[in-house]
Protein backbone atom coordinates (compact mmCIF):
# COMPACT_ATOMS: atom_id res chain seq x y z
CA MET A 1 -5.91 -38.54 -26.01
CA SER A 2 -6.51 -41.29 -23.39
CA GLU A 3 -4.87 -43.99 -25.69
CA LEU A 4 -1.82 -41.86 -26.56
CA SER A 5 -1.39 -40.82 -22.98
CA HIS A 6 -1.34 -44.45 -21.85
CA GLU A 7 1.13 -45.41 -24.53
CA THR A 8 3.54 -42.69 -23.85
CA ARG A 9 3.03 -42.37 -20.01
CA ARG A 10 2.70 -38.74 -20.34
CA GLN A 11 -0.28 -36.29 -19.66
CA ILE A 12 -1.73 -35.08 -22.98
CA GLY A 13 -3.75 -31.94 -23.04
CA ALA A 14 -5.74 -29.73 -25.50
CA LEU A 15 -6.99 -26.13 -25.46
CA ILE A 16 -10.44 -26.20 -27.25
CA ASP A 17 -12.35 -22.94 -28.20
CA ARG A 18 -16.07 -22.58 -28.12
CA SER A 19 -16.45 -23.87 -31.62
CA GLY A 20 -14.67 -27.10 -30.88
CA HIS A 21 -11.53 -26.14 -32.62
CA VAL A 22 -8.33 -27.38 -31.00
CA GLU A 23 -6.11 -24.19 -30.53
CA TYR A 24 -3.24 -25.83 -28.59
CA VAL A 25 -1.87 -29.37 -27.90
CA MET A 26 0.36 -29.74 -24.82
CA VAL A 27 2.50 -32.89 -23.88
CA GLY A 28 3.88 -33.10 -20.39
CA ASP A 29 5.23 -35.75 -18.11
CA ASN A 30 3.56 -38.30 -16.17
CA ARG A 31 2.65 -35.87 -13.25
CA SER A 32 1.71 -32.53 -15.07
CA ILE A 33 1.47 -30.48 -18.34
CA GLN A 34 2.63 -26.92 -18.90
CA LEU A 35 0.07 -24.57 -20.46
CA PRO A 36 1.10 -21.81 -22.99
CA ASP A 37 2.07 -18.33 -21.64
CA PHE A 38 -1.03 -16.01 -21.92
CA LYS A 39 0.44 -13.12 -20.31
CA ARG A 40 0.15 -10.79 -23.29
CA ILE A 41 -3.54 -11.70 -23.88
CA ARG A 42 -6.08 -9.31 -22.07
CA VAL A 43 -9.17 -10.80 -20.67
CA GLY A 44 -12.39 -8.70 -19.48
CA ALA A 45 -13.08 -9.08 -15.85
CA ASP A 46 -16.54 -10.22 -16.78
CA ARG A 47 -15.88 -12.88 -19.16
CA PHE A 48 -13.71 -15.91 -19.59
CA ARG A 49 -10.84 -16.58 -22.00
CA GLY A 50 -13.09 -18.75 -24.49
CA LEU A 51 -10.90 -21.71 -23.96
CA ARG A 52 -11.42 -24.96 -22.13
CA CYS A 53 -8.49 -27.12 -21.02
CA VAL A 54 -9.01 -30.93 -21.44
CA HIS A 55 -6.10 -33.21 -20.17
CA THR A 56 -5.39 -36.53 -19.03
CA HIS A 57 -4.37 -37.86 -15.58
CA LEU A 58 -2.50 -41.16 -15.31
CA ARG A 59 -2.60 -41.73 -11.38
CA GLY A 60 -6.62 -41.39 -11.01
CA GLU A 61 -6.09 -38.22 -9.06
CA GLY A 62 -8.73 -35.60 -9.02
CA LEU A 63 -8.19 -31.93 -10.17
CA THR A 64 -4.91 -30.84 -8.72
CA GLN A 65 -4.29 -27.37 -7.09
CA ASP A 66 -2.07 -26.52 -10.13
CA ASP A 67 -5.14 -27.37 -12.21
CA LEU A 68 -7.25 -25.15 -10.25
CA THR A 69 -4.65 -22.31 -10.03
CA ASP A 70 -4.33 -22.47 -13.96
CA LEU A 71 -8.19 -22.34 -14.14
CA ALA A 72 -8.45 -19.13 -11.93
CA LEU A 73 -5.32 -17.32 -13.32
CA LEU A 74 -5.81 -18.01 -17.05
CA ARG A 75 -9.74 -17.54 -16.69
CA LEU A 76 -10.36 -20.70 -18.54
CA ASP A 77 -13.92 -21.69 -19.52
CA LEU A 78 -13.46 -25.09 -17.92
CA MET A 79 -10.64 -27.29 -16.52
CA VAL A 80 -11.29 -31.01 -17.36
CA ALA A 81 -9.18 -34.02 -16.31
CA ILE A 82 -9.86 -37.43 -17.85
CA ASP A 83 -8.61 -40.52 -15.82
CA VAL A 84 -6.74 -43.03 -17.90
CA ASN A 85 -7.47 -46.68 -17.12
CA PRO A 86 -3.78 -48.15 -16.30
CA THR A 87 -4.65 -51.49 -17.83
CA ASP A 88 -6.14 -50.79 -21.28
CA GLY A 89 -5.86 -47.01 -21.60
CA PHE A 90 -9.57 -46.37 -21.85
CA PRO A 91 -11.03 -43.19 -20.50
CA GLY A 92 -12.42 -43.24 -17.06
CA LEU A 93 -14.01 -40.71 -14.92
CA VAL A 94 -14.09 -37.15 -16.16
CA ARG A 95 -13.78 -34.34 -13.74
CA ALA A 96 -14.42 -30.66 -14.41
CA ALA A 97 -14.40 -27.36 -12.56
CA HIS A 98 -15.40 -23.89 -13.60
CA LEU A 99 -15.15 -20.39 -12.18
CA LEU A 100 -17.95 -18.82 -10.17
CA PRO A 101 -19.22 -15.38 -10.38
CA ILE A 102 -18.72 -13.79 -6.76
CA THR A 103 -20.87 -11.06 -5.49
CA VAL A 104 -19.29 -8.75 -2.99
CA GLY A 105 -21.89 -6.19 -2.16
CA ASP A 106 -19.98 -4.17 0.37
CA GLY A 107 -16.53 -4.61 -1.13
CA GLN A 108 -15.48 -6.64 1.89
CA ALA A 109 -13.80 -10.05 1.77
CA THR A 110 -15.13 -13.21 3.42
CA ASP A 111 -13.25 -16.22 3.93
CA ASP A 112 -15.68 -18.73 2.82
CA LEU A 113 -15.84 -17.53 -0.77
CA LYS A 114 -14.68 -20.23 -3.30
CA PRO A 115 -13.67 -19.05 -6.88
CA TYR A 116 -14.59 -22.29 -8.64
CA ALA A 117 -17.25 -25.02 -8.60
CA PHE A 118 -16.99 -28.74 -9.41
CA LEU A 119 -19.22 -30.67 -11.77
CA ALA A 120 -20.09 -34.13 -10.72
CA PRO A 121 -17.58 -36.83 -11.97
CA LYS A 122 -19.02 -38.90 -14.79
CA MET A 123 -17.93 -41.38 -17.46
CA ALA A 124 -17.21 -39.87 -20.79
CA SER A 125 -20.17 -41.76 -22.33
CA GLN A 126 -22.44 -40.25 -19.74
CA LEU A 127 -21.63 -36.50 -20.20
CA GLU A 128 -24.84 -34.64 -21.14
CA ASP A 129 -24.05 -31.07 -19.87
CA ASP A 130 -24.71 -28.19 -22.11
CA PHE A 131 -21.29 -26.60 -21.98
CA LEU A 132 -22.17 -23.41 -24.00
CA SER A 133 -25.34 -22.71 -21.99
CA LEU A 134 -23.37 -23.01 -18.66
CA ILE A 135 -20.55 -20.64 -19.73
CA ASN A 136 -23.09 -18.03 -21.19
CA SER A 137 -25.11 -17.87 -18.03
CA LEU A 138 -21.96 -17.55 -15.82
CA GLU A 139 -20.52 -14.68 -17.95
CA ASP A 140 -23.93 -13.03 -17.86
CA GLU A 141 -24.16 -13.24 -14.11
CA MET A 142 -20.35 -12.02 -13.80
CA ALA A 143 -21.30 -8.93 -15.98
CA ARG A 144 -24.27 -8.12 -13.85
CA ASN A 145 -22.48 -8.48 -10.49
CA ARG A 146 -19.58 -6.42 -11.72
CA HIS A 147 -21.64 -3.62 -12.83
CA ALA A 148 -23.79 -3.50 -9.86
CA THR A 149 -20.69 -3.40 -7.65
CA ARG A 150 -18.99 -0.66 -9.69
CA GLN A 151 -22.14 1.42 -9.38
CA SER A 152 -22.48 0.89 -5.48
CA VAL A 153 -18.81 1.54 -4.82
CA GLY A 154 -17.42 3.72 -7.49
CA LYS A 155 -13.88 3.56 -5.93
CA ASP A 156 -10.71 1.67 -6.59
CA ARG A 157 -10.72 -1.77 -4.88
CA THR A 158 -7.61 -3.18 -3.54
CA ILE A 159 -6.05 -6.01 -1.56
CA LEU A 160 -3.31 -5.00 1.00
CA VAL A 161 -0.16 -7.03 0.90
CA GLY A 162 2.31 -7.40 3.78
CA VAL A 163 5.65 -9.30 3.61
CA THR A 164 7.88 -9.40 6.58
CA THR A 165 10.99 -11.21 8.00
CA GLY A 166 10.17 -10.10 11.43
CA SER A 167 7.32 -10.71 13.85
CA ILE A 168 3.77 -11.14 12.53
CA SER A 169 2.42 -8.77 15.35
CA ASP A 170 4.47 -5.92 14.10
CA ALA A 171 3.35 -6.61 10.58
CA GLU A 172 -0.27 -6.67 11.53
CA GLU A 173 0.21 -3.21 13.26
CA SER A 174 1.73 -1.89 10.11
CA MET A 175 -0.95 -3.21 7.96
CA ALA A 176 -3.60 -1.66 10.21
CA GLU A 177 -2.07 1.72 9.55
CA LEU A 178 -1.76 0.84 5.82
CA SER A 179 -5.52 0.18 5.89
CA GLU A 180 -6.11 3.67 7.38
CA LEU A 181 -3.89 5.16 4.76
CA ALA A 182 -5.87 3.28 1.88
CA SER A 183 -9.07 4.58 3.44
CA SER A 184 -7.87 8.29 3.69
CA ALA A 185 -6.85 7.75 -0.09
CA GLY A 186 -10.41 6.71 -1.00
CA ILE A 187 -9.60 3.16 -1.74
CA VAL A 188 -12.02 0.26 -0.80
CA VAL A 189 -9.99 -2.48 1.17
CA GLN A 190 -11.29 -5.73 0.25
CA ASP A 191 -8.78 -8.08 1.90
CA GLN A 192 -5.47 -8.21 3.56
CA VAL A 193 -2.57 -10.79 3.12
CA ILE A 194 0.39 -11.02 5.28
CA GLN A 195 3.40 -13.52 4.61
CA ARG A 196 6.31 -14.15 6.74
CA ARG A 197 9.50 -15.16 4.90
CA GLN A 198 13.10 -15.81 5.94
CA ALA A 199 14.10 -13.53 3.00
CA ILE A 200 12.20 -11.13 0.70
CA ASP A 201 12.03 -12.43 -2.84
CA PRO A 202 14.30 -9.89 -4.88
CA ARG A 203 11.92 -10.27 -8.01
CA THR A 204 8.37 -10.59 -6.71
CA VAL A 205 8.56 -9.93 -2.94
CA LEU A 206 6.07 -12.79 -2.31
CA GLY A 207 6.65 -16.44 -2.74
CA ARG A 208 5.37 -18.02 -5.98
CA GLY A 209 2.70 -19.96 -4.25
CA LYS A 210 1.49 -16.99 -2.20
CA LEU A 211 1.43 -14.80 -5.36
CA ASP A 212 -0.73 -17.41 -7.08
CA GLU A 213 -3.14 -17.25 -4.04
CA LEU A 214 -3.28 -13.55 -4.15
CA LEU A 215 -4.07 -13.70 -7.86
CA ILE A 216 -6.88 -15.87 -7.31
CA ARG A 217 -8.18 -13.80 -4.48
CA SER A 218 -7.96 -10.61 -6.63
CA LEU A 219 -9.96 -12.35 -9.29
CA GLN A 220 -12.34 -13.48 -6.82
CA LEU A 221 -13.01 -10.06 -5.38
CA GLY A 222 -12.59 -8.26 -8.57
CA ALA A 223 -9.79 -6.09 -7.19
CA ASP A 224 -8.10 -3.31 -9.37
CA MET A 225 -4.87 -2.99 -7.55
CA LEU A 226 -2.47 -4.34 -5.02
CA VAL A 227 -0.87 -2.16 -2.26
CA PHE A 228 2.24 -3.31 -0.79
CA ASP A 229 3.34 -2.29 2.80
CA ARG A 230 6.78 -1.67 1.87
CA GLU A 231 8.68 0.39 -0.69
CA LEU A 232 9.16 -1.71 -3.96
CA SER A 233 12.13 -1.39 -6.30
CA PRO A 234 11.50 -0.51 -9.97
CA ALA A 235 12.23 -4.12 -10.96
CA GLN A 236 9.84 -5.52 -8.41
CA ILE A 237 7.01 -3.21 -9.57
CA ARG A 238 7.64 -4.48 -13.06
CA SER A 239 7.78 -8.03 -12.31
CA LEU A 240 4.58 -7.83 -10.21
CA SER A 241 2.64 -5.91 -12.88
CA GLU A 242 3.60 -8.51 -15.59
CA ALA A 243 2.71 -11.47 -13.25
CA THR A 244 -0.70 -9.99 -12.14
CA ASP A 245 -1.89 -7.51 -14.74
CA LEU A 246 -3.00 -5.37 -11.88
CA LYS A 247 -1.90 -1.82 -10.66
CA ILE A 248 0.93 -2.17 -8.19
CA ILE A 249 1.19 0.49 -5.32
CA ASP A 250 3.68 0.49 -2.70
CA ARG A 251 3.32 2.34 0.68
CA SER A 252 5.40 5.42 -0.46
CA GLN A 253 3.36 5.92 -3.56
CA LEU A 254 0.17 5.75 -1.49
CA ILE A 255 1.32 8.36 0.86
CA LEU A 256 2.37 10.50 -2.00
CA ASP A 257 -1.17 10.21 -3.49
CA ILE A 258 -2.72 11.21 -0.40
CA PHE A 259 -0.49 14.25 -0.22
CA ALA A 260 -1.42 15.01 -3.83
CA GLN A 261 -5.12 14.95 -2.84
CA ARG A 262 -4.72 17.11 0.21
CA ALA A 263 -2.38 19.81 -1.17
CA GLN A 264 -4.23 23.05 -1.43
CA SER A 265 -1.62 25.93 -1.42
CA SER A 266 0.68 26.57 -4.31
CA GLU A 267 3.58 25.79 -1.91
CA GLY A 268 2.11 22.46 -0.92
CA LYS A 269 1.45 21.45 -4.48
CA ILE A 270 5.06 22.33 -5.55
CA GLN A 271 6.44 20.16 -2.57
CA VAL A 272 4.29 17.18 -3.40
CA GLU A 273 5.11 17.28 -7.16
CA LEU A 274 8.86 17.45 -6.26
CA ALA A 275 8.43 14.30 -4.06
CA GLN A 276 6.42 12.44 -6.75
CA LEU A 277 8.93 13.27 -9.41
CA LYS A 278 11.72 12.02 -7.29
CA TYR A 279 10.06 8.96 -6.79
CA LEU A 280 9.29 8.60 -10.46
CA LEU A 281 12.63 9.25 -11.97
CA PRO A 282 14.25 5.81 -10.98
CA ARG A 283 11.18 3.95 -12.09
CA LEU A 284 11.10 5.44 -15.58
CA ILE A 285 11.85 2.29 -17.70
CA ALA A 286 11.68 1.12 -21.35
CA GLY A 287 8.14 -0.25 -21.33
CA GLN A 288 6.23 -2.23 -23.81
CA ASP A 289 4.41 0.94 -24.86
CA SER A 290 7.65 2.83 -25.61
CA ALA A 291 8.88 1.39 -28.91
CA PHE A 292 11.92 3.73 -29.53
CA SER A 293 13.03 3.32 -25.87
CA ARG A 294 13.74 -0.35 -26.63
CA LEU A 295 16.42 0.58 -29.13
CA ALA A 296 19.53 0.25 -26.93
CA GLY A 297 22.24 -0.11 -29.48
CA GLY A 298 23.05 -2.41 -32.45
CA ILE A 299 21.30 -2.46 -35.76
CA GLY A 300 18.49 0.21 -35.72
CA GLY A 301 19.72 1.58 -32.53
CA ARG A 302 22.76 3.64 -33.58
CA GLY A 303 22.76 7.33 -34.65
CA PRO A 304 22.30 10.89 -33.15
CA GLY A 305 19.61 11.96 -30.71
CA GLU A 306 18.06 10.73 -27.56
CA THR A 307 15.65 7.85 -26.97
CA LYS A 308 12.26 8.50 -25.70
CA LEU A 309 13.19 7.28 -22.34
CA GLU A 310 16.21 9.52 -22.14
CA MET A 311 13.95 12.52 -23.07
CA ASP A 312 11.58 11.62 -20.46
CA ARG A 313 14.24 11.35 -17.76
CA ARG A 314 15.87 14.56 -18.81
CA ARG A 315 12.53 16.51 -18.64
CA VAL A 316 11.87 15.07 -15.18
CA ARG A 317 15.28 16.22 -14.12
CA ASP A 318 14.79 19.59 -15.38
CA ARG A 319 11.43 19.78 -13.72
CA ILE A 320 12.90 18.72 -10.47
CA ASN A 321 15.70 21.49 -10.68
CA ARG A 322 13.03 24.13 -11.28
CA LEU A 323 10.94 22.96 -8.31
CA GLU A 324 13.95 22.74 -6.07
CA LYS A 325 14.85 26.25 -6.83
CA GLU A 326 11.27 27.48 -6.11
CA ILE A 327 11.33 25.65 -2.91
CA GLU A 328 14.54 27.35 -2.02
CA SER A 329 13.04 30.64 -2.76
CA GLN A 330 10.06 29.76 -0.51
CA ARG A 331 12.56 28.77 2.30
CA ARG A 332 14.20 32.36 2.13
CA ARG A 333 10.69 34.03 2.33
CA ARG A 334 9.91 31.88 5.29
CA GLN A 335 13.18 32.94 6.97
CA GLU A 336 12.38 36.55 6.39
CA ARG A 337 8.97 36.01 8.06
CA ARG A 338 10.63 34.29 10.96
CA LYS A 339 13.02 37.13 11.23
CA VAL A 340 10.06 39.46 11.69
CA ARG A 341 8.76 37.32 14.49
CA THR A 342 12.16 37.34 16.21
CA ARG A 343 12.24 41.09 16.12
CA ASN A 344 8.88 41.13 17.77
CA GLU A 345 10.33 38.89 20.52
CA LEU A 346 7.41 36.38 20.22
CA PRO A 347 8.32 32.86 21.16
CA ILE A 348 7.31 30.11 18.80
CA ILE A 349 5.47 26.96 19.73
CA SER A 350 5.05 24.18 17.32
CA ILE A 351 2.53 21.43 17.61
CA VAL A 352 4.05 18.15 16.31
CA GLY A 353 2.94 14.66 16.36
CA TYR A 354 1.70 11.58 14.28
CA THR A 355 -0.90 12.04 11.51
CA ASN A 356 -4.45 12.26 12.76
CA ALA A 357 -3.39 12.98 16.22
CA GLY A 358 -5.76 16.07 16.51
CA LYS A 359 -3.12 18.84 15.89
CA SER A 360 -5.42 21.03 13.86
CA THR A 361 -8.24 20.56 16.33
CA LEU A 362 -6.04 21.64 19.20
CA LEU A 363 -4.85 24.68 17.30
CA ASN A 364 -8.45 25.64 16.69
CA ALA A 365 -9.44 25.05 20.34
CA LEU A 366 -6.43 27.31 21.64
CA THR A 367 -6.90 30.16 19.18
CA ASN A 368 -10.56 30.03 18.26
CA SER A 369 -9.55 29.54 14.60
CA ASP A 370 -11.34 27.53 11.87
CA VAL A 371 -8.32 25.60 10.31
CA ARG A 372 -9.55 22.53 8.35
CA ALA A 373 -9.61 19.47 10.76
CA GLU A 374 -10.76 16.10 9.80
CA GLN A 375 -10.83 12.62 11.18
CA ARG A 376 -8.49 11.28 8.53
CA MET A 377 -4.62 11.02 7.75
CA PHE A 378 -2.84 13.93 6.47
CA ALA A 379 -5.63 16.32 6.58
CA THR A 380 -3.25 19.09 6.97
CA LEU A 381 -0.40 19.67 4.53
CA ASP A 382 0.05 23.51 4.71
CA PRO A 383 1.25 24.60 8.04
CA THR A 384 -0.71 27.34 9.82
CA SER A 385 0.60 29.93 12.40
CA ARG A 386 -1.77 31.73 14.96
CA ARG A 387 -1.14 34.20 17.74
CA LEU A 388 -1.95 32.87 21.19
CA ARG A 389 -2.18 34.67 24.57
CA LEU A 390 -1.08 32.47 27.42
CA PRO A 391 -2.72 32.92 30.98
CA ARG A 392 -0.05 35.32 32.20
CA GLU A 393 -0.33 37.89 29.51
CA ARG A 394 2.41 36.43 27.53
CA GLU A 395 1.86 36.17 23.64
CA VAL A 396 3.29 33.42 21.48
CA ILE A 397 3.16 32.21 17.87
CA ILE A 398 1.82 28.82 17.70
CA ASN A 399 2.24 26.62 14.59
CA ASP A 400 0.21 23.60 13.22
CA THR A 401 2.62 21.34 11.30
CA VAL A 402 2.46 18.30 8.84
CA GLY A 403 1.87 15.06 10.65
CA PHE A 404 4.32 12.26 10.79
CA ILE A 405 4.18 8.68 10.04
CA ARG A 406 6.50 5.72 10.27
CA ASP A 407 8.55 4.83 7.12
CA LEU A 408 7.97 8.39 5.80
CA PRO A 409 9.27 8.43 2.24
CA PRO A 410 12.71 10.08 2.16
CA GLY A 411 11.71 12.15 -0.92
CA LEU A 412 8.66 13.53 0.96
CA LEU A 413 10.62 14.32 4.15
CA SER A 414 13.23 16.22 1.83
CA ALA A 415 10.48 18.08 -0.30
CA PHE A 416 8.87 19.32 2.99
CA ARG A 417 11.98 20.15 4.73
CA ALA A 418 11.51 24.01 3.99
CA THR A 419 8.09 23.72 5.72
CA LEU A 420 9.51 21.61 8.61
CA GLU A 421 12.27 24.18 9.27
CA GLU A 422 9.50 26.07 11.09
CA ILE A 423 9.95 23.68 13.93
CA GLY A 424 13.68 24.43 14.28
CA ASP A 425 12.86 27.99 15.30
CA SER A 426 10.62 26.90 18.12
CA ARG A 427 11.14 27.68 21.76
CA LEU A 428 8.85 24.69 22.67
CA LEU A 429 7.22 21.77 21.03
CA ILE A 430 3.88 20.21 22.01
CA HIS A 431 4.13 16.63 21.05
CA LEU A 432 0.42 15.51 20.70
CA VAL A 433 -0.39 11.99 21.04
CA ASP A 434 -3.75 10.05 20.26
CA VAL A 435 -3.59 8.15 23.54
CA ALA A 436 -6.87 6.40 22.34
CA ASN A 437 -5.00 4.72 19.49
CA PRO A 438 -3.61 1.33 20.63
CA ARG A 439 -0.41 1.93 18.58
CA TRP A 440 0.31 5.16 20.29
CA PRO A 441 3.76 4.11 21.86
CA GLN A 442 4.92 3.19 18.38
CA GLN A 443 3.79 6.36 17.12
CA VAL A 444 5.57 8.29 19.80
CA GLU A 445 8.75 6.54 18.85
CA SER A 446 8.29 7.30 15.22
CA VAL A 447 7.86 11.06 15.81
CA LYS A 448 10.95 11.15 18.04
CA ARG A 449 12.90 9.45 15.27
CA ILE A 450 11.74 11.99 12.67
CA LEU A 451 12.56 14.90 15.05
CA GLU A 452 16.02 13.48 15.46
CA GLU A 453 16.30 13.50 11.59
CA LEU A 454 15.26 17.03 11.56
CA ASN A 455 17.83 17.89 14.20
CA VAL A 456 15.24 19.45 16.57
CA ALA A 457 14.96 16.83 19.19
CA GLN A 458 16.95 19.00 21.60
CA ILE A 459 14.13 21.45 21.77
CA SER A 460 12.05 21.42 25.08
CA SER A 461 8.69 19.53 24.58
CA ILE A 462 5.37 18.77 26.30
CA LEU A 463 3.86 15.33 25.69
CA ALA A 464 0.21 16.00 25.42
CA LEU A 465 -2.05 12.97 25.50
CA ASN A 466 -4.95 13.93 23.40
CA LYS A 467 -8.44 12.28 23.21
CA ALA A 468 -8.16 11.41 26.97
CA ASP A 469 -11.90 11.42 27.21
CA LEU A 470 -11.88 8.30 25.12
CA VAL A 471 -9.87 6.29 27.55
CA ASP A 472 -10.95 5.01 30.91
CA SER A 473 -9.70 7.08 33.90
CA GLU A 474 -7.61 4.28 35.52
CA THR A 475 -5.68 3.55 32.32
CA LEU A 476 -5.04 7.15 31.54
CA SER A 477 -3.75 7.73 35.25
CA ALA A 478 -1.44 4.69 34.91
CA THR A 479 -0.36 5.99 31.49
CA VAL A 480 0.62 9.42 32.84
CA ARG A 481 2.31 8.14 35.93
CA GLN A 482 4.44 5.87 33.83
CA LEU A 483 5.50 8.45 31.27
CA SER A 484 6.15 11.02 34.10
CA GLN A 485 8.68 8.70 35.79
CA ASN A 486 11.19 10.21 33.46
CA GLY A 487 11.86 13.52 35.05
CA ASP A 488 12.76 15.19 31.76
CA THR A 489 9.31 14.52 30.37
CA THR A 490 6.38 16.80 30.99
CA VAL A 491 3.10 14.93 30.48
CA VAL A 492 -0.42 16.53 30.29
CA ALA A 493 -3.70 14.77 29.43
CA ILE A 494 -6.19 16.77 27.32
CA ALA A 495 -9.03 16.36 24.99
CA ALA A 496 -8.70 19.01 22.23
CA THR A 497 -12.54 19.05 21.62
CA ASP A 498 -13.11 20.11 25.28
CA LYS A 499 -11.64 23.64 25.95
CA ARG A 500 -11.98 23.05 29.75
CA THR A 501 -9.06 20.40 29.73
CA LEU A 502 -6.64 22.72 28.03
CA GLN A 503 -6.00 25.06 30.99
CA PRO A 504 -3.24 22.61 32.50
CA LEU A 505 -1.59 22.57 29.08
CA LEU A 506 -1.30 26.38 28.95
CA GLU A 507 0.01 26.56 32.46
CA LYS A 508 2.83 24.04 31.58
CA VAL A 509 3.44 26.03 28.35
CA GLY A 510 3.89 29.15 30.37
CA GLU A 511 6.15 27.54 32.95
CA LEU A 512 8.47 26.01 30.42
CA LEU A 513 8.80 29.20 28.41
CA ALA A 514 9.61 31.20 31.62
CA CYS A 515 12.33 28.52 32.42
CA ASP A 516 13.72 28.67 28.84
CA LEU A 517 13.91 32.54 29.26
CA GLY A 518 15.39 32.34 32.82
CA LEU A 519 12.45 33.91 34.49
CA THR A 520 10.17 32.86 37.37
CA ILE A 521 6.49 33.03 37.00
CA ASP A 522 6.19 36.16 39.06
CA GLU A 523 8.78 38.07 36.84
CA GLN A 524 6.95 37.40 33.65
CA ASP A 525 4.57 40.31 33.93
CA GLY A 526 7.20 42.84 34.63
CA GLU A 527 9.45 41.43 31.77
CA ARG A 528 6.53 41.63 29.25
CA ALA A 529 5.78 45.32 30.31
CA LEU A 530 9.14 46.60 29.25
CA ALA A 531 10.46 44.15 26.62
CA ALA A 532 7.15 43.70 24.62
CA GLY A 533 6.15 47.41 24.78
CA ASN A 534 2.50 46.40 24.79
CA GLY A 535 1.18 49.25 26.64
CA LEU A 536 1.40 48.03 30.19
CA SER A 537 2.18 50.85 32.68
CA GLU A 538 5.48 51.33 34.43
CA ARG A 539 3.46 51.19 37.79
CA ARG A 540 2.32 47.55 36.79
CA ALA A 541 6.00 46.79 36.20
CA VAL A 542 7.08 48.08 39.52
CA ALA A 543 4.11 46.05 41.25
CA THR A 544 5.94 42.88 40.28
CA GLY A 545 8.83 43.89 42.63
CA LEU A 546 11.29 44.78 39.87
CA ALA A 547 12.55 48.18 39.11
CA PRO A 548 11.91 49.01 35.28
CA GLU A 549 15.68 49.51 34.77
CA ASN A 550 16.42 46.15 36.12
CA LEU A 551 13.88 44.05 34.22
CA PRO A 552 15.47 41.44 32.11
CA ARG A 553 15.36 41.41 28.36
CA ILE A 554 14.37 38.53 26.15
CA PRO A 555 17.45 36.90 24.82
């Protein structure tokens, strides 16, 4: 090899199996060689490919980054570079590297992990290493480590990937939220990668070099999937899957999976299924496991009938139509229930806000309910309504709603529109904010944008700063002052877990409802006595200063 390489001035390489048989011979230029395409060959995560690459270097350079990348991505047994003496073509130093079994006990990444190790450079005549013994011991250790890690974790393991054309700080905030979403979905986050580019690659999103680094990192950590912090096109998912041989998930699909885990009621399950099918439909493609779907015409492709792909798409469309009809039926039933509430003249208040802001906890505290409340994203999918009596004897209906999030998938918003219509009939919104979250200003803006999309932004609202007990008093006071500078915004600081802090919120709710009904606070008791018919005596109504026949009616 060394002599031929010297004569041709080209790099020459061979892929050799463990029995010493040459499987492939490659001839490159004076700088590099091109290895065969192994993408269709699957390799177990706890073993190597069974091939070692031995090739020549004409410039006396060590193992290059391309050599090490091929070693990691192709999972070769060994990558060997032989220096060629420029004067006589005799072999010089032999440099070699092999992959390392990495132990990641807690599933978390560390920056000092290296996926490969170098053997000491030696002359060819001095090589005495037992190659088979080395490879077998490495594979045994890899198998033990992976088995132990799987038993200790038992969850999917992922690397989060963010690609942005904007500022890195915004990307980091979005990635922090993606990490919370992954944890809520039960996924172990091992590492995060952010790349800033002038333009998103239309095929692989990431640049080629960054994608290679990501693949090495995934091999190093034993990751099962990659989660991208953006919505991927069907072509991008296909390209990334082929390039990485890993499961590829985007932000929308992750949110849909969380919703699927959380849905409890029949209505919630239908809404989630509809959103999933709408997401799936444009991503149904003719894959390698669908033989008939590849017959797109020509010889063997003509004739009556549908391809398997067309049948799958038709079934999905039929299912979407049935689910949409069922959701429309549910919407009509909800309208009937709202009509009953309107006849009872009970104002409706809806608690809205970012996911995990504490909406269900606030509902439980106000109404002594036991609605499921958890410290994780999208714990509530099924809206809950409870009756609440305000301090001045006014009764209202208060709704707990689905949490919002930035970049909410359009299909999900469309599927839950029947549920979110409850917000449109509200007299008042309580916009709950997790003020202890450092990203709360961005969360407030995201909620406002979604309320505008739902055409309910014109409804009167109270900005309730929740978890105030977790913020120092000076910071909280400054935040309240800053938000209150806009005279149109009513701001209240509360802690939903402490009922003693909720009285100011209830007072503000009563005041805003009274203003909405055109009443003063003193007039509310008299109005309630006649309009609600709740058994208050005429004498009590007159005591408010209004004659019973002059009491105003609820509009």
